[in-house]
């Protein structure tokens, strides 16, 4: 990487080089659901609680965030 490009990358990323990671470094935001990948049950996501810590009320399987479901 040449020096000018390196400085440009540093400026854009506040001194860090590279990407921002998963989901561009941000959270998914409000208004989503936790979904059971096994039976399809959906419950509203609660702020501050990871879906993966919740068990499905119908079948007991671990819930996942709706945005992370493979379509």
PDB file of N, CA and C in Angstrom:
ATOM      1  N   UNK A   1       0.864  -1.175   0.000  1.00  0.00           N
ATOM      2  CA  UNK A   1       0.000   0.000   0.000  1.00  0.00           C
ATOM      3  C   UNK A   1       0.903   1.229   0.000  1.00  0.00           C
ATOM      4  N   UNK A   2       0.664   2.155  -0.913  1.00  0.00           N
ATOM      5  CA  UNK A   2       1.530   3.326  -0.945  1.00  0.00           C
ATOM      6  C   UNK A   2       1.169   4.280   0.193  1.00  0.00           C
ATOM      7  N   UNK A   3       2.068   5.196   0.461  1.00  0.00           N
ATOM      8  CA  UNK A   3       1.922   6.070   1.630  1.00  0.00           C
ATOM      9  C   UNK A   3       0.689   6.966   1.558  1.00  0.00           C
ATOM     10  N   UNK A   4       0.384   7.525   0.398  1.00  0.00           N
ATOM     11  CA  UNK A   4      -0.788   8.397   0.266  1.00  0.00           C
ATOM     12  C   UNK A   4      -2.076   7.634   0.529  1.00  0.00           C
ATOM     13  N   UNK A   5      -2.164   6.426  -0.034  1.00  0.00           N
ATOM     14  CA  UNK A   5      -3.363   5.623   0.174  1.00  0.00           C
ATOM     15  C   UNK A   5      -3.484   5.227   1.650  1.00  0.00           C
ATOM     16  N   UNK A   6      -2.357   4.885   2.268  1.00  0.00           N
ATOM     17  CA  UNK A   6      -2.346   4.514   3.685  1.00  0.00           C
ATOM     18  C   UNK A   6      -2.845   5.683   4.531  1.00  0.00           C
ATOM     19  N   UNK A   7      -2.385   6.892   4.261  1.00  0.00           N
ATOM     20  CA  UNK A   7      -2.832   8.061   5.014  1.00  0.00           C
ATOM     21  C   UNK A   7      -4.315   8.315   4.802  1.00  0.00           C
ATOM     22  N   UNK A   8      -4.783   8.107   3.578  1.00  0.00           N
ATOM     23  CA  UNK A   8      -6.199   8.278   3.276  1.00  0.00           C
ATOM     24  C   UNK A   8      -7.040   7.296   4.077  1.00  0.00           C
ATOM     25  N   UNK A   9      -6.609   6.043   4.134  1.00  0.00           N
ATOM     26  CA  UNK A   9      -7.324   5.014   4.911  1.00  0.00           C
ATOM     27  C   UNK A   9      -7.324   5.365   6.395  1.00  0.00           C
ATOM     28  N   UNK A  10      -6.200   5.854   6.896  1.00  0.00           N
ATOM     29  CA  UNK A  10      -6.116   6.235   8.311  1.00  0.00           C
ATOM     30  C   UNK A  10      -7.071   7.373   8.620  1.00  0.00           C
ATOM     31  N   UNK A  11      -7.157   8.367   7.718  1.00  0.00           N
ATOM     32  CA  UNK A  11      -8.049   9.497   7.938  1.00  0.00           C
ATOM     33  C   UNK A  11      -9.513   9.056   7.973  1.00  0.00           C
ATOM     34  N   UNK A  12      -9.917   8.196   7.055  1.00  0.00           N
ATOM     35  CA  UNK A  12     -11.312   7.765   6.970  1.00  0.00           C
ATOM     36  C   UNK A  12     -11.730   6.914   8.167  1.00  0.00           C
ATOM     37  N   UNK A  13     -10.795   6.161   8.732  1.00  0.00           N
ATOM     38  CA  UNK A  13     -11.137   5.219   9.798  1.00  0.00           C
ATOM     39  C   UNK A  13     -10.603   5.633  11.164  1.00  0.00           C
ATOM     40  N   UNK A  14     -10.408   6.917  11.357  1.00  0.00           N
ATOM     41  CA  UNK A  14      -9.941   7.439  12.647  1.00  0.00           C
ATOM     42  C   UNK A  14      -8.674   6.749  13.128  1.00  0.00           C
ATOM     43  N   UNK A  15      -7.718   6.567  12.223  1.00  0.00           N
ATOM     44  CA  UNK A  15      -6.442   5.987  12.607  1.00  0.00           C
ATOM     45  C   UNK A  15      -6.375   4.476  12.485  1.00  0.00           C
ATOM     46  N   UNK A  16      -7.463   3.838  12.088  1.00  0.00           N
ATOM     47  CA  UNK A  16      -7.471   2.379  11.949  1.00  0.00           C
ATOM     48  C   UNK A  16      -7.487   2.035  10.468  1.00  0.00           C
ATOM     49  N   UNK A  17      -6.772   0.995  10.120  1.00  0.00           N
ATOM     50  CA  UNK A  17      -6.766   0.525   8.740  1.00  0.00           C
ATOM     51  C   UNK A  17      -7.636  -0.719   8.671  1.00  0.00           C
ATOM     52  N   UNK A  18      -8.429  -0.826   7.623  1.00  0.00           N
ATOM     53  CA  UNK A  18      -9.243  -2.020   7.441  1.00  0.00           C
ATOM     54  C   UNK A  18     -10.717  -1.716   7.577  1.00  0.00           C
ATOM     55  N   UNK A  19     -11.505  -2.775   7.550  1.00  0.00           N
ATOM     56  CA  UNK A  19     -12.953  -2.640   7.617  1.00  0.00           C
ATOM     57  C   UNK A  19     -13.460  -2.429   9.027  1.00  0.00           C
ATOM     58  N   UNK A  20     -14.763  -2.412   9.145  1.00  0.00           N
ATOM     59  CA  UNK A  20     -15.383  -2.184  10.445  1.00  0.00           C
ATOM     60  C   UNK A  20     -15.981  -3.458  11.023  1.00  0.00           C
ATOM     61  N   UNK A  21     -15.777  -4.591  10.367  1.00  0.00           N
ATOM     62  CA  UNK A  21     -16.275  -5.850  10.915  1.00  0.00           C
ATOM     63  C   UNK A  21     -17.710  -6.138  10.518  1.00  0.00           C
ATOM     64  N   UNK A  22     -18.314  -7.034  11.227  1.00  0.00           N
ATOM     65  CA  UNK A  22     -19.675  -7.478  10.935  1.00  0.00           C
ATOM     66  C   UNK A  22     -20.661  -6.330  11.049  1.00  0.00           C
ATOM     67  N   UNK A  23     -21.592  -6.295  10.127  1.00  0.00           N
ATOM     68  CA  UNK A  23     -22.655  -5.287  10.110  1.00  0.00           C
ATOM     69  C   UNK A  23     -22.091  -3.866  10.129  1.00  0.00           C
ATOM     70  N   UNK A  24     -20.941  -3.686   9.503  1.00  0.00           N
ATOM     71  CA  UNK A  24     -20.277  -2.383   9.413  1.00  0.00           C
ATOM     72  C   UNK A  24     -20.007  -1.780  10.790  1.00  0.00           C
ATOM     73  N   UNK A  25     -19.825  -2.617  11.790  1.00  0.00           N
ATOM     74  CA  UNK A  25     -19.458  -2.165  13.118  1.00  0.00           C
ATOM     75  C   UNK A  25     -20.615  -1.676  13.966  1.00  0.00           C
ATOM     76  N   UNK A  26     -21.811  -1.687  13.438  1.00  0.00           N
ATOM     77  CA  UNK A  26     -22.958  -1.180  14.182  1.00  0.00           C
ATOM     78  C   UNK A  26     -23.859  -2.282  14.703  1.00  0.00           C
ATOM     79  N   UNK A  27     -24.843  -1.899  15.421  1.00  0.00           N
ATOM     80  CA  UNK A  27     -25.832  -2.840  15.928  1.00  0.00           C
ATOM     81  C   UNK A  27     -26.951  -2.974  14.899  1.00  0.00           C
ATOM     82  N   UNK A  28     -27.815  -3.939  15.084  1.00  0.00           N
ATOM     83  CA  UNK A  28     -28.907  -4.144  14.143  1.00  0.00           C
ATOM     84  C   UNK A  28     -30.029  -3.136  14.344  1.00  0.00           C
ATOM     85  N   UNK A  29     -30.132  -2.565  15.527  1.00  0.00           N
ATOM     86  CA  UNK A  29     -31.149  -1.557  15.774  1.00  0.00           C
ATOM     87  C   UNK A  29     -32.439  -2.144  16.307  1.00  0.00           C
ATOM     88  N   UNK A  30     -33.385  -1.281  16.637  1.00  0.00           N
ATOM     89  CA  UNK A  30     -34.650  -1.719  17.216  1.00  0.00           C
ATOM     90  C   UNK A  30     -35.614  -2.250  16.158  1.00  0.00           C
ATOM     91  N   UNK A  31     -36.689  -2.821  16.614  1.00  0.00           N
ATOM     92  CA  UNK A  31     -37.758  -3.218  15.717  1.00  0.00           C
ATOM     93  C   UNK A  31     -37.562  -4.535  15.017  1.00  0.00           C
ATOM     94  N   UNK A  32     -36.789  -5.416  15.596  1.00  0.00           N
ATOM     95  CA  UNK A  32     -36.541  -6.697  14.970  1.00  0.00           C
ATOM     96  C   UNK A  32     -37.149  -7.818  15.805  1.00  0.00           C
ATOM     97  N   UNK A  33     -36.910  -9.037  15.366  1.00  0.00           N
ATOM     98  CA  UNK A  33     -37.443 -10.203  16.062  1.00  0.00           C
ATOM     99  C   UNK A  33     -36.357 -11.222  16.346  1.00  0.00           C
ATOM    100  N   UNK A  34     -36.588 -12.018  17.359  1.00  0.00           N
ATOM    101  CA  UNK A  34     -35.812 -13.220  17.610  1.00  0.00           C
ATOM    102  C   UNK A  34     -36.643 -14.349  17.012  1.00  0.00           C
ATOM    103  N   UNK A  35     -35.991 -15.205  16.230  1.00  0.00           N
ATOM    104  CA  UNK A  35     -36.701 -16.248  15.502  1.00  0.00           C
ATOM    105  C   UNK A  35     -36.111 -17.614  15.837  1.00  0.00           C
ATOM    106  N   UNK A  36     -36.981 -18.609  15.958  1.00  0.00           N
ATOM    107  CA  UNK A  36     -36.539 -19.979  16.160  1.00  0.00           C
ATOM    108  C   UNK A  36     -36.262 -20.582  14.790  1.00  0.00           C
ATOM    109  N   UNK A  37     -35.035 -21.033  14.588  1.00  0.00           N
ATOM    110  CA  UNK A  37     -34.647 -21.615  13.312  1.00  0.00           C
ATOM    111  C   UNK A  37     -35.265 -23.000  13.119  1.00  0.00           C
ATOM    112  N   UNK A  38     -35.754 -23.586  14.206  1.00  0.00           N
ATOM    113  CA  UNK A  38     -36.317 -24.937  14.132  1.00  0.00           C
ATOM    114  C   UNK A  38     -37.814 -24.919  13.807  1.00  0.00           C
ATOM    115  N   UNK A  39     -38.601 -24.136  14.557  1.00  0.00           N
ATOM    116  CA  UNK A  39     -40.057 -24.160  14.349  1.00  0.00           C
ATOM    117  C   UNK A  39     -40.620 -22.875  13.752  1.00  0.00           C
ATOM    118  N   UNK A  40     -39.803 -21.795  13.682  1.00  0.00           N
ATOM    119  CA  UNK A  40     -40.239 -20.557  13.052  1.00  0.00           C
ATOM    120  C   UNK A  40     -40.936 -19.563  13.967  1.00  0.00           C
ATOM    121  N   UNK A  41     -41.041 -19.862  15.255  1.00  0.00           N
ATOM    122  CA  UNK A  41     -41.676 -18.933  16.201  1.00  0.00           C
ATOM    123  C   UNK A  41     -40.899 -17.620  16.241  1.00  0.00           C
ATOM    124  N   UNK A  42     -41.634 -16.485  16.216  1.00  0.00           N
ATOM    125  CA  UNK A  42     -41.024 -15.159  16.282  1.00  0.00           C
ATOM    126  C   UNK A  42     -41.493 -14.446  17.540  1.00  0.00           C
ATOM    127  N   UNK A  43     -40.540 -13.815  18.231  1.00  0.00           N
ATOM    128  CA  UNK A  43     -40.878 -12.963  19.369  1.00  0.00           C
ATOM    129  C   UNK A  43     -40.138 -11.640  19.180  1.00  0.00           C
ATOM    130  N   UNK A  44     -40.706 -10.543  19.661  1.00  0.00           N
ATOM    131  CA  UNK A  44     -40.029  -9.245  19.511  1.00  0.00           C
ATOM    132  C   UNK A  44     -38.683  -9.238  20.233  1.00  0.00           C
ATOM    133  N   UNK A  45     -37.672  -8.658  19.584  1.00  0.00           N
ATOM    134  CA  UNK A  45     -36.360  -8.531  20.215  1.00  0.00           C
ATOM    135  C   UNK A  45     -36.422  -7.483  21.305  1.00  0.00           C
ATOM    136  N   UNK A  46     -35.800  -7.762  22.443  1.00  0.00           N
ATOM    137  CA  UNK A  46     -35.744  -6.805  23.548  1.00  0.00           C
ATOM    138  C   UNK A  46     -34.350  -6.212  23.618  1.00  0.00           C
ATOM    139  N   UNK A  47     -34.292  -4.900  23.676  1.00  0.00           N
ATOM    140  CA  UNK A  47     -33.024  -4.177  23.721  1.00  0.00           C
ATOM    141  C   UNK A  47     -32.161  -4.665  24.876  1.00  0.00           C
ATOM    142  N   UNK A  48     -30.892  -4.930  24.571  1.00  0.00           N
ATOM    143  CA  UNK A  48     -29.934  -5.342  25.591  1.00  0.00           C
ATOM    144  C   UNK A  48     -29.918  -6.833  25.880  1.00  0.00           C
ATOM    145  N   UNK A  49     -30.809  -7.591  25.240  1.00  0.00           N
ATOM    146  CA  UNK A  49     -30.848  -9.040  25.453  1.00  0.00           C
ATOM    147  C   UNK A  49     -30.569  -9.724  24.121  1.00  0.00           C
ATOM    148  N   UNK A  50     -29.500 -10.514  24.075  1.00  0.00           N
ATOM    149  CA  UNK A  50     -29.163 -11.223  22.852  1.00  0.00           C
ATOM    150  C   UNK A  50     -30.169 -12.330  22.605  1.00  0.00           C
ATOM    151  N   UNK A  51     -30.592 -12.464  21.368  1.00  0.00           N
ATOM    152  CA  UNK A  51     -31.551 -13.516  21.012  1.00  0.00           C
ATOM    153  C   UNK A  51     -31.004 -14.901  21.353  1.00  0.00           C
ATOM    154  N   UNK A  52     -29.699 -15.072  21.239  1.00  0.00           N
ATOM    155  CA  UNK A  52     -29.106 -16.381  21.485  1.00  0.00           C
ATOM    156  C   UNK A  52     -29.155 -16.798  22.954  1.00  0.00           C
ATOM    157  N   UNK A  53     -29.560 -15.887  23.828  1.00  0.00           N
ATOM    158  CA  UNK A  53     -29.709 -16.250  25.242  1.00  0.00           C
ATOM    159  C   UNK A  53     -31.144 -16.655  25.563  1.00  0.00           C
ATOM    160  N   UNK A  54     -32.019 -16.600  24.558  1.00  0.00           N
ATOM    161  CA  UNK A  54     -33.438 -16.903  24.750  1.00  0.00           C
ATOM    162  C   UNK A  54     -33.767 -18.260  24.132  1.00  0.00           C
ATOM    163  N   UNK A  55     -34.512 -19.057  24.844  1.00  0.00           N
ATOM    164  CA  UNK A  55     -34.992 -20.339  24.329  1.00  0.00           C
ATOM    165  C   UNK A  55     -36.388 -20.149  23.755  1.00  0.00           C
ATOM    166  N   UNK A  56     -36.683 -20.853  22.672  1.00  0.00           N
ATOM    167  CA  UNK A  56     -37.982 -20.766  22.025  1.00  0.00           C
ATOM    168  C   UNK A  56     -39.074 -21.218  22.995  1.00  0.00           C
ATOM    169  N   UNK A  57     -40.135 -20.416  23.153  1.00  0.00           N
ATOM    170  CA  UNK A  57     -41.216 -20.782  24.061  1.00  0.00           C
ATOM    171  C   UNK A  57     -42.012 -22.000  23.563  1.00  0.00           C
ATOM    172  N   UNK A  58     -41.918 -22.323  22.283  1.00  0.00           N
ATOM    173  CA  UNK A  58     -42.663 -23.448  21.721  1.00  0.00           C
ATOM    174  C   UNK A  58     -41.889 -24.768  21.786  1.00  0.00           C
ATOM    175  N   UNK A  59     -40.597 -24.742  21.365  1.00  0.00           N
ATOM    176  CA  UNK A  59     -39.849 -26.006  21.259  1.00  0.00           C
ATOM    177  C   UNK A  59     -38.578 -26.065  22.097  1.00  0.00           C
ATOM    178  N   UNK A  60     -38.147 -24.921  22.677  1.00  0.00           N
ATOM    179  CA  UNK A  60     -36.959 -24.912  23.529  1.00  0.00           C
ATOM    180  C   UNK A  60     -35.643 -24.728  22.788  1.00  0.00           C
ATOM    181  N   UNK A  61     -35.686 -24.580  21.476  1.00  0.00           N
ATOM    182  CA  UNK A  61     -34.479 -24.369  20.671  1.00  0.00           C
ATOM    183  C   UNK A  61     -33.978 -22.946  20.898  1.00  0.00           C
ATOM    184  N   UNK A  62     -32.683 -22.705  20.696  1.00  0.00           N
ATOM    185  CA  UNK A  62     -32.109 -21.367  20.850  1.00  0.00           C
ATOM    186  C   UNK A  62     -32.610 -20.439  19.740  1.00  0.00           C
ATOM    187  N   UNK A  63     -33.018 -19.232  20.127  1.00  0.00           N
ATOM    188  CA  UNK A  63     -33.494 -18.232  19.173  1.00  0.00           C
ATOM    189  C   UNK A  63     -32.286 -17.532  18.537  1.00  0.00           C
ATOM    190  N   UNK A  64     -32.483 -16.961  17.333  1.00  0.00           N
ATOM    191  CA  UNK A  64     -31.458 -16.160  16.686  1.00  0.00           C
ATOM    192  C   UNK A  64     -32.083 -14.884  16.140  1.00  0.00           C
ATOM    193  N   UNK A  65     -31.248 -13.877  15.923  1.00  0.00           N
ATOM    194  CA  UNK A  65     -31.727 -12.592  15.412  1.00  0.00           C
ATOM    195  C   UNK A  65     -32.226 -12.759  13.982  1.00  0.00           C
ATOM    196  N   UNK A  66     -33.347 -12.165  13.659  1.00  0.00           N
ATOM    197  CA  UNK A  66     -33.984 -12.310  12.357  1.00  0.00           C
ATOM    198  C   UNK A  66     -33.021 -11.955  11.218  1.00  0.00           C
ATOM    199  N   UNK A  67     -32.198 -10.910  11.416  1.00  0.00           N
ATOM    200  CA  UNK A  67     -31.281 -10.467  10.377  1.00  0.00           C
ATOM    201  C   UNK A  67     -30.200 -11.511  10.076  1.00  0.00           C
ATOM    202  N   UNK A  68     -29.966 -12.419  10.995  1.00  0.00           N
ATOM    203  CA  UNK A  68     -28.894 -13.403  10.808  1.00  0.00           C
ATOM    204  C   UNK A  68     -29.402 -14.699  10.170  1.00  0.00           C
ATOM    205  N   UNK A  69     -30.709 -14.812   9.978  1.00  0.00           N
ATOM    206  CA  UNK A  69     -31.256 -16.002   9.323  1.00  0.00           C
ATOM    207  C   UNK A  69     -30.818 -16.046   7.878  1.00  0.00           C
ATOM    208  N   UNK A  70     -30.399 -17.205   7.425  1.00  0.00           N
ATOM    209  CA  UNK A  70     -30.052 -17.353   6.012  1.00  0.00           C
ATOM    210  C   UNK A  70     -31.332 -17.449   5.222  1.00  0.00           C
ATOM    211  N   UNK A  71     -31.413 -16.654   4.188  1.00  0.00           N
ATOM    212  CA  UNK A  71     -32.639 -16.584   3.409  1.00  0.00           C
ATOM    213  C   UNK A  71     -32.626 -17.535   2.260  1.00  0.00           C
TER     214      UNK A  71
END
